[in-house]
Each structure stands twice: as C-alpha cells, then as structure tokens.
Amino acid sequence: MEIPSALRATLGKRRFLQSLGTTDRAKAELLKAPHISQWSALIAAAKPNSTTPLIQRMTALYQHELAEAKAHVPNPNDPPEPDPVTHLNEQLATVLAENHPTDVANEVYGVVTGKFISIREPMDRLIATRTTNARTASTKRSVINRFLEHTGIDYMHQWSRQVTRGYLQSLVDSGRSGSTAGIHKAHLSAYYSDLRRLHDYEAPDPFTDVQPIAPKGTIDTQPFSVGEINRLLAATGNANPTLHTMILLAAYTGCRFSELALLTKDNLSHDHLVVTGAKTKSGNRIVPLHHKIADLIHSLAEASTNDYAIGNLRTVADGRRGSSILVQFGNLKDDLGFAKRVHSFHSIRGTVATLLEQAGANPIALHRLLGHGISSESYGTYSGGASMKQLKDTVNLIDYSEL
C-alpha cells in the first residue's frame, strides 16, 4: 500500500509491503485483508490533527457506558428517568465540546454514536463479500483508496456529487481516458450502493450528472498500423527484450496485457493458451498459438521459475504483474514520437481486430478469439462456440508483412 507523500516522513517509509507467503492469488486476497485494515488505520492516525486516537478512546468508554445504561432497570416507584441512551449522548456531547475544538468534537461525536458512517472501515469485508474475481477485487480496492486519498473524505455524509465529479474530472485532467474515468465511477458507485445497503443510509445519489469534461483536443484511442507495430518491435528487439516479447505476444494473440502477464503454465498447451479469470463468461476463452510465437512462448514457460508462463515480470504491491513494462511501453511511444493519448498497449488488440476484419475473418470466430460477448440469441445463448479449427484459421490470418 502506497503511503500518501505528506505522511511518509511521519511513518518513516514510502509504502507498506508484506509478503503473504503464497503464489495463490485467491488465497492472497484473503490473507492480505488484515494488513490492509491495519495499514489504513496507521495512515488515518498519522494525518495531522488526526482524531483517530481520541475516537478509539471515546468509543471504548462510550460502549462501556452504553452497556451499563441499557442494563439498568429503573425502579418503578421512582420518578420517570430520561432515556439512558439520549442522556449518555448528551453527556458525551458536553464533554467533547468543553475539551476540544468544534470540528473535532463534532467528528468524534458523530463516529462514536454511529451517526457518521466510515467509508474505509468496511471496505475489505464488502469487497470480499461482493467480488469473487481476485483481479476485480484488487482493482476495486485500488480505485477506492485512490478516491479517498485524493478527496480526503472519511465518512458517507461527506460523499457528495461535487466530490465525485471533482475526482473523475481530476482523472481526465491528469491524462486518463474517459473510459478509465468510467471504470472508476462504476467501482465507486457499486461500493457506495453496498455501503448504503449495509447501513440503511438515505442520502442524495452522488453519482448523478458527474461525467467529466474531456480536455480540448482529446482523441479516441486508435489501433496501431502494421508499420507502427513493426517500428515498436524493431525498437525493442535488442534494447528491451521483455517489452519486445510482450508486444509480439499481444500482436499475434489479441490478448490483453493482464491476460498474458497472468497466464500460468497450466493454461498453456502445445498449440493454444487458455484465458481464465475474466470478468465475463465470453472473456474466458481458448486462443490458438500463431506459428510466429508458438516456440517463443513455450521457451519462456520452460525458463520460468514460477507458476507463470512469462516468469520474469515483477509483481508490485497491489498484486499487478508487469506494471513497469506498461510504463516502459509509454516511454517507448514518446521516444518514437507517437502522439499523446492516441495509442496504448490495448491498441494492439485493435490492430489485431483490424487485421482480421480486413483479411475476411469469420466475424463470430473473431468475437470468440478476442473474448467479446455476442448478443445474438443463436450465437450468444445456444451455440457451444467456435471450433478449434475455426479459431486456428482465424489466428493464422494475422500477418504483419508490409506491402
């Protein structure tokens, strides 16, 4: 977990890092939850003028007093007594107001009495309950943490439409695409809905009319041309063999970077690879190996010293493999003079789709190969999918020879 830059001196480090002692991603997702919670608490407590220690002390005292108040049985012969919980809350408000600034007193009172609902506290259990895909869970956690760090909010009553819009706009202003902002919005909206149901919380929806305004001159991401793919390969052949390999594999499979980075040896056969763990049913698929890369990917798997077919990709703190390669890819584009925000590594999938369409590929087989859903009742619901021969014929239409 990255520590906010303003708190690194206080905590004495740039990030929290803990080995979980397993290569099983699903098991790691379960094992890391206590660490995430502990680190989040340390970050919250390290903030200037943090109320966390005071909240912890007052909560312990309040819960003790509340238990005694609820256990008290009034004598029916005595005069009527005030409601014990209301009386306790009034006492707490008085003590806080007499000893702390108004903003601190209000926050502590809200949290201790349950009127302020923490956004961060239930994150791990809600994600674990609602998200079964490990990669999706990791992405959702990363998005929520980024949102909280950027906005500085802690409680649900602070989460307004203006806060959501400002965060999404910051993504676009920093160079992120509109589709990336949409992904962040979807994860945040789903998490907010889970929080609202968990606490039976009623408030105006903070996701109405929050679409960011794209900066002038924004261009939709475009596929690479055949010549541009060959330029990328030529520039990395000797200078960066790992990046060269990832570009080559993507160019002859149409796979996403993450699908290649997470490909295990168990999911690699002599003539095809199997994509698993996708967000959708259609995303889990078989991809035949083009003759241009079959020997390469098998030699990589044989040389790998871990469970992955491509063993030399580093795993960063958030669980993603090969993130540094994507950074190197961005630097390569800049060095070669590509226009900003026109292409990404994902554009290679667009190149594959373009080549196959122009080569007259079977449209249904093309959808199956790239893992895209098919809305047709016949093909999407009833069909058992394309045959291996159809998929192989489709893959072998990929050709980067320049005319």
Protein backbone atom coordinates (compact mmCIF):
# COMPACT_ATOMS: atom_id res chain seq x y z
CA MET A 1 0.00 0.00 0.00
CA GLU A 2 1.40 3.38 -1.03
CA ILE A 3 1.63 5.94 1.80
CA PRO A 4 0.46 9.48 0.91
CA SER A 5 3.53 11.64 0.26
CA ALA A 6 2.66 14.09 3.06
CA LEU A 7 2.75 11.26 5.64
CA ARG A 8 5.91 9.41 4.56
CA ALA A 9 8.20 11.33 6.92
CA THR A 10 5.86 10.63 9.84
CA LEU A 11 5.62 6.90 9.14
CA GLY A 12 9.26 6.59 8.05
CA LYS A 13 8.64 4.81 4.74
CA ARG A 14 7.19 5.25 1.25
CA ARG A 15 4.93 2.22 1.29
CA PHE A 16 3.77 -0.73 3.37
CA LEU A 17 4.90 -4.07 1.96
CA GLN A 18 4.25 -7.56 3.32
CA SER A 19 4.90 -10.97 1.76
CA LEU A 20 1.95 -13.32 2.20
CA GLY A 21 3.96 -16.47 1.55
CA THR A 22 1.80 -17.82 -1.27
CA THR A 23 1.61 -17.78 -5.07
CA ASP A 24 -2.13 -18.49 -4.98
CA ARG A 25 -3.82 -15.20 -5.86
CA ALA A 26 -7.19 -16.15 -4.36
CA LYS A 27 -5.54 -17.13 -1.08
CA ALA A 28 -3.52 -13.91 -1.11
CA GLU A 29 -6.70 -11.85 -1.43
CA LEU A 30 -7.93 -13.38 1.84
CA LEU A 31 -4.60 -13.15 3.65
CA LYS A 32 -3.97 -9.51 2.85
CA ALA A 33 -7.22 -8.14 4.32
CA PRO A 34 -5.92 -7.76 7.93
CA HIS A 35 -2.79 -5.99 6.68
CA ILE A 36 -4.82 -3.55 4.57
CA SER A 37 -7.03 -2.72 7.55
CA GLN A 38 -4.05 -2.22 9.86
CA TRP A 39 -2.20 -0.03 7.34
CA SER A 40 -5.31 2.05 6.69
CA ALA A 41 -5.64 2.69 10.42
CA LEU A 42 -1.97 3.70 10.68
CA ILE A 43 -2.36 6.13 7.78
CA ALA A 44 -5.51 7.62 9.31
CA ALA A 45 -3.79 8.03 12.69
CA ALA A 46 -0.73 9.68 11.10
CA LYS A 47 -2.73 12.51 9.50
CA PRO A 48 -2.13 15.94 11.04
CA ASN A 49 -4.63 16.62 13.83
CA SER A 50 -5.91 13.06 13.47
CA THR A 51 -8.91 12.28 15.62
CA THR A 52 -8.30 8.52 15.42
CA PRO A 53 -6.70 8.07 18.89
CA LEU A 54 -9.40 10.20 20.51
CA ILE A 55 -12.14 8.32 18.68
CA GLN A 56 -10.71 4.99 19.81
CA ARG A 57 -10.58 6.08 23.46
CA MET A 58 -14.02 7.66 23.46
CA THR A 59 -15.58 4.70 21.62
CA ALA A 60 -14.28 2.26 24.23
CA LEU A 61 -15.62 4.45 27.05
CA TYR A 62 -18.94 5.05 25.28
CA GLN A 63 -19.54 1.35 24.62
CA HIS A 64 -18.87 0.55 28.29
CA GLU A 65 -21.25 3.27 29.49
CA LEU A 66 -23.84 2.31 26.88
CA ALA A 67 -23.85 -1.31 28.04
CA GLU A 68 -24.39 -0.21 31.65
CA ALA A 69 -27.15 2.22 30.62
CA LYS A 70 -29.02 -0.45 28.68
CA ALA A 71 -28.64 -2.93 31.55
CA HIS A 72 -30.04 -0.50 34.11
CA VAL A 73 -33.54 -1.39 35.27
CA PRO A 74 -35.35 1.65 36.74
CA ASN A 75 -37.30 1.32 39.95
CA PRO A 76 -41.00 1.63 39.08
CA ASN A 77 -41.56 3.61 42.30
CA ASP A 78 -39.01 6.30 41.35
CA PRO A 79 -39.84 9.33 39.19
CA PRO A 80 -39.53 8.72 35.42
CA GLU A 81 -35.91 8.81 34.22
CA PRO A 82 -34.68 10.27 30.91
CA ASP A 83 -33.91 7.82 28.11
CA PRO A 84 -30.47 6.40 29.08
CA VAL A 85 -29.04 6.50 25.53
CA THR A 86 -30.19 10.09 24.95
CA HIS A 87 -28.75 11.08 28.34
CA LEU A 88 -25.42 9.37 27.54
CA ASN A 89 -25.22 11.12 24.14
CA GLU A 90 -25.84 14.48 25.79
CA GLN A 91 -23.07 13.81 28.30
CA LEU A 92 -20.66 12.84 25.51
CA ALA A 93 -21.50 15.99 23.53
CA THR A 94 -20.90 18.17 26.60
CA VAL A 95 -17.54 16.56 27.45
CA LEU A 96 -16.29 16.88 23.86
CA ALA A 97 -17.48 20.48 23.47
CA GLU A 98 -15.76 21.53 26.70
CA ASN A 99 -12.41 19.94 25.85
CA HIS A 100 -11.97 20.06 22.07
CA PRO A 101 -12.45 22.39 19.08
CA THR A 102 -15.87 22.30 17.47
CA ASP A 103 -14.82 20.41 14.33
CA VAL A 104 -13.04 17.72 16.39
CA ALA A 105 -15.93 17.45 18.84
CA ASN A 106 -18.48 17.07 16.02
CA GLU A 107 -16.45 14.39 14.23
CA VAL A 108 -15.77 12.33 17.34
CA TYR A 109 -19.38 12.60 18.47
CA GLY A 110 -20.63 11.50 15.03
CA VAL A 111 -18.34 8.47 14.83
CA VAL A 112 -18.74 7.31 18.44
CA THR A 113 -22.54 7.48 18.35
CA GLY A 114 -22.76 5.89 14.90
CA LYS A 115 -24.15 8.97 13.16
CA PHE A 116 -21.02 9.22 10.95
CA ILE A 117 -20.51 6.13 8.76
CA SER A 118 -16.92 5.27 7.86
CA ILE A 119 -16.19 4.73 4.18
CA ARG A 120 -12.93 2.87 4.70
CA GLU A 121 -13.68 0.59 7.69
CA PRO A 122 -15.95 -1.99 5.95
CA MET A 123 -14.04 -1.96 2.65
CA ASP A 124 -12.31 -5.33 2.92
CA ARG A 125 -15.34 -7.33 4.01
CA LEU A 126 -17.66 -5.69 1.47
CA ILE A 127 -15.25 -6.34 -1.38
CA ALA A 128 -14.69 -9.92 -0.22
CA THR A 129 -18.44 -10.49 0.01
CA ARG A 130 -19.43 -8.90 -3.28
CA THR A 131 -16.41 -9.62 -5.52
CA THR A 132 -15.24 -13.15 -6.27
CA ASN A 133 -12.74 -12.32 -9.05
CA ALA A 134 -9.35 -11.58 -7.44
CA ARG A 135 -8.25 -9.14 -10.14
CA THR A 136 -11.51 -7.20 -9.92
CA ALA A 137 -11.24 -7.08 -6.13
CA SER A 138 -7.71 -5.69 -6.36
CA THR A 139 -8.80 -3.05 -8.90
CA LYS A 140 -11.81 -2.01 -6.81
CA ARG A 141 -9.69 -1.66 -3.67
CA SER A 142 -7.12 0.41 -5.57
CA VAL A 143 -9.82 2.71 -7.00
CA ILE A 144 -11.46 3.30 -3.61
CA ASN A 145 -8.14 4.00 -1.88
CA ARG A 146 -7.15 6.42 -4.66
CA PHE A 147 -10.52 8.19 -4.35
CA LEU A 148 -10.20 8.55 -0.56
CA GLU A 149 -6.62 9.79 -0.77
CA HIS A 150 -7.49 12.34 -3.46
CA THR A 151 -10.67 13.66 -1.85
CA GLY A 152 -9.64 13.43 1.81
CA ILE A 153 -13.13 12.37 2.90
CA ASP A 154 -13.72 9.72 5.56
CA TYR A 155 -17.50 9.48 6.08
CA MET A 156 -20.53 8.90 3.91
CA HIS A 157 -22.17 12.26 4.67
CA GLN A 158 -19.11 13.92 3.08
CA TRP A 159 -19.54 11.97 -0.17
CA SER A 160 -21.42 14.42 -2.41
CA ARG A 161 -21.98 14.75 -6.12
CA GLN A 162 -19.44 17.59 -6.20
CA VAL A 163 -16.82 15.32 -4.59
CA THR A 164 -17.44 12.53 -7.11
CA ARG A 165 -17.40 14.88 -10.08
CA GLY A 166 -14.21 16.57 -8.90
CA TYR A 167 -12.44 13.24 -8.56
CA LEU A 168 -13.49 11.98 -12.01
CA GLN A 169 -12.52 15.30 -13.56
CA SER A 170 -9.08 15.03 -11.94
CA LEU A 171 -8.55 11.69 -13.67
CA VAL A 172 -9.31 13.14 -17.09
CA ASP A 173 -7.29 16.29 -16.42
CA SER A 174 -4.27 14.15 -15.50
CA GLY A 175 -4.40 12.39 -18.87
CA ARG A 176 -6.60 9.39 -18.08
CA SER A 177 -9.15 8.45 -20.72
CA GLY A 178 -12.90 8.87 -20.39
CA SER A 179 -13.26 5.07 -20.31
CA THR A 180 -10.86 4.88 -17.36
CA ALA A 181 -12.92 7.51 -15.53
CA GLY A 182 -16.00 5.41 -16.32
CA ILE A 183 -14.41 2.32 -14.77
CA HIS A 184 -13.59 4.29 -11.61
CA LYS A 185 -17.14 5.62 -11.49
CA ALA A 186 -18.58 2.10 -11.81
CA HIS A 187 -16.44 0.70 -8.98
CA LEU A 188 -17.18 3.66 -6.70
CA SER A 189 -20.89 3.59 -7.43
CA ALA A 190 -21.12 -0.14 -6.67
CA TYR A 191 -19.21 0.32 -3.42
CA TYR A 192 -21.38 3.28 -2.38
CA SER A 193 -24.51 1.19 -3.00
CA ASP A 194 -23.11 -1.61 -0.83
CA LEU A 195 -22.35 0.87 1.97
CA ARG A 196 -25.83 2.35 1.74
CA ARG A 197 -27.49 -1.06 1.98
CA LEU A 198 -25.22 -2.14 4.82
CA HIS A 199 -26.14 0.86 6.96
CA ASP A 200 -29.63 1.55 5.58
CA TYR A 201 -28.33 5.00 4.71
CA GLU A 202 -30.51 7.54 2.90
CA ALA A 203 -28.95 10.44 1.00
CA PRO A 204 -28.99 12.03 -2.48
CA ASP A 205 -27.22 9.90 -5.07
CA PRO A 206 -23.66 11.31 -5.50
CA PHE A 207 -23.34 9.80 -8.99
CA THR A 208 -25.96 11.84 -10.86
CA ASP A 209 -24.58 14.10 -13.61
CA VAL A 210 -20.91 13.63 -12.72
CA GLN A 211 -19.40 12.88 -16.14
CA PRO A 212 -16.06 14.71 -16.51
CA ILE A 213 -15.46 17.17 -19.32
CA ALA A 214 -12.72 15.93 -21.64
CA PRO A 215 -9.97 18.45 -22.42
CA LYS A 216 -9.94 20.02 -25.87
CA GLY A 217 -8.09 18.01 -28.47
CA THR A 218 -8.79 14.65 -26.87
CA ILE A 219 -8.64 11.86 -29.43
CA ASP A 220 -10.16 8.42 -29.11
CA THR A 221 -7.60 5.64 -28.75
CA GLN A 222 -6.69 4.25 -32.16
CA PRO A 223 -5.26 0.90 -33.32
CA PHE A 224 -1.64 0.78 -34.42
CA SER A 225 -0.95 0.29 -38.10
CA VAL A 226 1.12 -2.66 -39.30
CA GLY A 227 4.04 -0.32 -39.86
CA GLU A 228 3.76 1.10 -36.35
CA ILE A 229 3.74 -2.37 -34.78
CA ASN A 230 6.88 -3.21 -36.73
CA ARG A 231 8.50 0.04 -35.53
CA LEU A 232 7.75 -0.87 -31.94
CA LEU A 233 9.19 -4.36 -32.41
CA ALA A 234 12.31 -3.06 -34.17
CA ALA A 235 12.96 -0.51 -31.42
CA THR A 236 12.77 -3.10 -28.64
CA GLY A 237 14.40 -6.13 -30.25
CA ASN A 238 17.78 -5.70 -28.54
CA ALA A 239 17.12 -2.74 -26.29
CA ASN A 240 14.29 -4.23 -24.21
CA PRO A 241 13.71 -7.98 -24.82
CA THR A 242 10.90 -8.30 -22.25
CA LEU A 243 8.88 -5.43 -23.72
CA HIS A 244 9.60 -6.79 -27.20
CA THR A 245 8.21 -10.17 -26.14
CA MET A 246 5.02 -8.70 -24.66
CA ILE A 247 4.34 -6.65 -27.81
CA LEU A 248 4.96 -9.68 -30.01
CA LEU A 249 2.68 -11.97 -27.99
CA ALA A 250 -0.11 -9.37 -27.94
CA ALA A 251 0.26 -8.76 -31.67
CA TYR A 252 -0.26 -12.44 -32.54
CA THR A 253 -2.91 -13.35 -29.94
CA GLY A 254 -5.01 -10.21 -29.44
CA CYS A 255 -4.75 -10.82 -25.68
CA ARG A 256 -4.82 -8.03 -23.12
CA PHE A 257 -1.59 -7.30 -21.28
CA SER A 258 -3.01 -8.63 -18.00
CA GLU A 259 -4.14 -11.86 -19.70
CA LEU A 260 -0.59 -12.51 -20.89
CA ALA A 261 1.02 -11.43 -17.61
CA LEU A 262 -1.22 -13.77 -15.57
CA LEU A 263 -1.03 -16.74 -17.95
CA THR A 264 0.08 -19.80 -16.00
CA LYS A 265 1.98 -22.81 -17.27
CA ASP A 266 -1.08 -24.95 -16.53
CA ASN A 267 -3.08 -22.86 -19.01
CA LEU A 268 -0.54 -23.22 -21.80
CA SER A 269 -0.91 -26.18 -24.17
CA HIS A 270 1.21 -27.23 -27.14
CA ASP A 271 -0.98 -25.38 -29.65
CA HIS A 272 -3.10 -22.93 -27.61
CA LEU A 273 -3.41 -20.93 -24.42
CA VAL A 274 -6.45 -20.64 -22.15
CA VAL A 275 -7.55 -17.30 -20.70
CA THR A 276 -9.24 -17.69 -17.30
CA GLY A 277 -10.37 -15.37 -14.53
CA ALA A 278 -12.03 -12.89 -16.90
CA LYS A 279 -14.81 -10.60 -15.74
CA THR A 280 -17.27 -12.11 -18.21
CA LYS A 281 -18.07 -15.61 -19.46
CA SER A 282 -17.03 -14.71 -23.01
CA GLY A 283 -13.69 -13.39 -21.74
CA ASN A 284 -12.67 -16.91 -20.64
CA ARG A 285 -11.57 -18.47 -23.91
CA ILE A 286 -9.11 -20.55 -25.93
CA VAL A 287 -6.56 -18.72 -28.10
CA PRO A 288 -4.63 -20.87 -30.62
CA LEU A 289 -0.91 -20.13 -30.88
CA HIS A 290 0.17 -18.44 -34.10
CA HIS A 291 3.21 -20.14 -35.62
CA LYS A 292 5.19 -16.92 -35.17
CA ILE A 293 5.05 -17.14 -31.35
CA ALA A 294 4.47 -20.82 -30.51
CA ASP A 295 8.15 -21.65 -29.93
CA LEU A 296 8.75 -18.35 -28.14
CA ILE A 297 6.03 -18.72 -25.51
CA HIS A 298 6.96 -22.34 -24.80
CA SER A 299 10.63 -21.43 -24.35
CA LEU A 300 9.57 -18.69 -21.93
CA ALA A 301 7.48 -21.17 -19.95
CA GLU A 302 10.36 -23.65 -19.78
CA ALA A 303 12.71 -20.94 -18.48
CA SER A 304 10.19 -19.63 -15.92
CA THR A 305 11.00 -20.45 -12.30
CA ASN A 306 7.46 -19.77 -11.01
CA ASP A 307 3.90 -20.74 -11.97
CA TYR A 308 3.60 -18.15 -14.75
CA ALA A 309 4.38 -18.79 -18.41
CA ILE A 310 6.22 -15.46 -18.53
CA GLY A 311 8.18 -15.70 -15.32
CA ASN A 312 10.32 -12.57 -15.29
CA LEU A 313 7.57 -9.98 -14.76
CA ARG A 314 7.67 -8.23 -11.40
CA THR A 315 4.62 -8.17 -9.14
CA VAL A 316 4.02 -4.81 -7.46
CA ALA A 317 2.41 -4.13 -4.08
CA ASP A 318 -1.18 -4.05 -5.42
CA GLY A 319 -0.80 -7.53 -6.94
CA ARG A 320 -0.40 -6.48 -10.56
CA ARG A 321 2.25 -8.22 -12.66
CA GLY A 322 4.32 -6.33 -15.17
CA SER A 323 3.14 -2.78 -14.44
CA SER A 324 6.66 -1.47 -15.05
CA ILE A 325 6.54 -2.89 -18.59
CA LEU A 326 3.49 -0.74 -19.35
CA VAL A 327 5.42 2.31 -18.11
CA GLN A 328 8.29 1.36 -20.41
CA PHE A 329 5.82 0.99 -23.27
CA GLY A 330 4.57 4.55 -22.66
CA ASN A 331 8.15 5.86 -22.64
CA LEU A 332 8.87 3.98 -25.88
CA LYS A 333 5.91 5.62 -27.61
CA ASP A 334 7.18 9.05 -26.53
CA ASP A 335 10.70 8.27 -27.74
CA LEU A 336 9.35 7.19 -31.14
CA GLY A 337 7.29 10.35 -31.49
CA PHE A 338 3.78 8.91 -31.17
CA ALA A 339 1.08 11.48 -30.39
CA LYS A 340 -0.06 11.66 -26.77
CA ARG A 341 -3.15 9.65 -25.73
CA VAL A 342 -3.73 8.27 -29.23
CA HIS A 343 -2.37 4.77 -28.55
CA SER A 344 -1.91 2.47 -25.57
CA PHE A 345 -0.82 -1.13 -25.18
CA HIS A 346 -4.51 -2.02 -25.51
CA SER A 347 -4.38 -0.53 -29.03
CA ILE A 348 -2.61 -3.72 -30.14
CA ARG A 349 -5.92 -5.56 -29.67
CA GLY A 350 -7.42 -3.01 -32.02
CA THR A 351 -4.69 -3.76 -34.54
CA VAL A 352 -5.43 -7.50 -34.35
CA ALA A 353 -9.17 -6.89 -34.79
CA THR A 354 -8.49 -4.60 -37.77
CA LEU A 355 -6.15 -7.08 -39.49
CA LEU A 356 -8.59 -9.95 -39.05
CA GLU A 357 -11.57 -7.96 -40.32
CA GLN A 358 -9.60 -6.79 -43.35
CA ALA A 359 -8.46 -10.38 -44.02
CA GLY A 360 -12.10 -11.53 -44.15
CA ALA A 361 -12.15 -13.43 -40.84
CA ASN A 362 -15.36 -15.12 -39.75
CA PRO A 363 -16.97 -12.39 -37.57
CA ILE A 364 -18.25 -14.87 -34.97
CA ALA A 365 -14.85 -16.58 -34.69
CA LEU A 366 -13.26 -13.13 -34.36
CA HIS A 367 -15.56 -12.33 -31.42
CA ARG A 368 -14.71 -15.67 -29.76
CA LEU A 369 -10.98 -15.17 -30.27
CA LEU A 370 -10.94 -11.72 -28.65
CA GLY A 371 -13.34 -12.72 -25.86
CA HIS A 372 -16.14 -10.33 -26.79
CA GLY A 373 -19.75 -11.10 -25.99
CA ILE A 374 -22.25 -11.88 -28.75
CA SER A 375 -25.75 -10.50 -28.28
CA SER A 376 -27.39 -12.79 -30.85
CA GLU A 377 -29.72 -15.40 -29.30
CA SER A 378 -28.39 -18.11 -31.62
CA TYR A 379 -24.67 -17.45 -31.12
CA GLY A 380 -24.70 -15.85 -27.67
CA THR A 381 -27.12 -18.19 -25.88
CA TYR A 382 -27.45 -21.50 -27.71
CA SER A 383 -24.17 -22.02 -29.57
CA GLY A 384 -21.38 -24.01 -27.94
CA GLY A 385 -18.76 -21.77 -29.55
CA ALA A 386 -16.35 -21.87 -32.48
CA SER A 387 -14.34 -25.00 -33.24
CA MET A 388 -10.59 -25.17 -32.68
CA LYS A 389 -10.10 -25.30 -36.46
CA GLN A 390 -12.11 -22.11 -36.92
CA LEU A 391 -10.09 -20.36 -34.21
CA LYS A 392 -6.77 -21.56 -35.67
CA ASP A 393 -7.78 -20.45 -39.16
CA THR A 394 -8.69 -17.05 -37.72
CA VAL A 395 -5.43 -16.59 -35.79
CA ASN A 396 -3.34 -17.54 -38.80
CA LEU A 397 -4.85 -14.66 -40.76
CA ILE A 398 -2.78 -12.27 -38.62
CA ASP A 399 0.03 -11.00 -40.83
CA TYR A 400 2.36 -8.06 -40.23
CA SER A 401 4.04 -8.15 -43.64
CA GLU A 402 4.13 -4.65 -45.09
CA LEU A 403 3.02 -4.25 -48.70
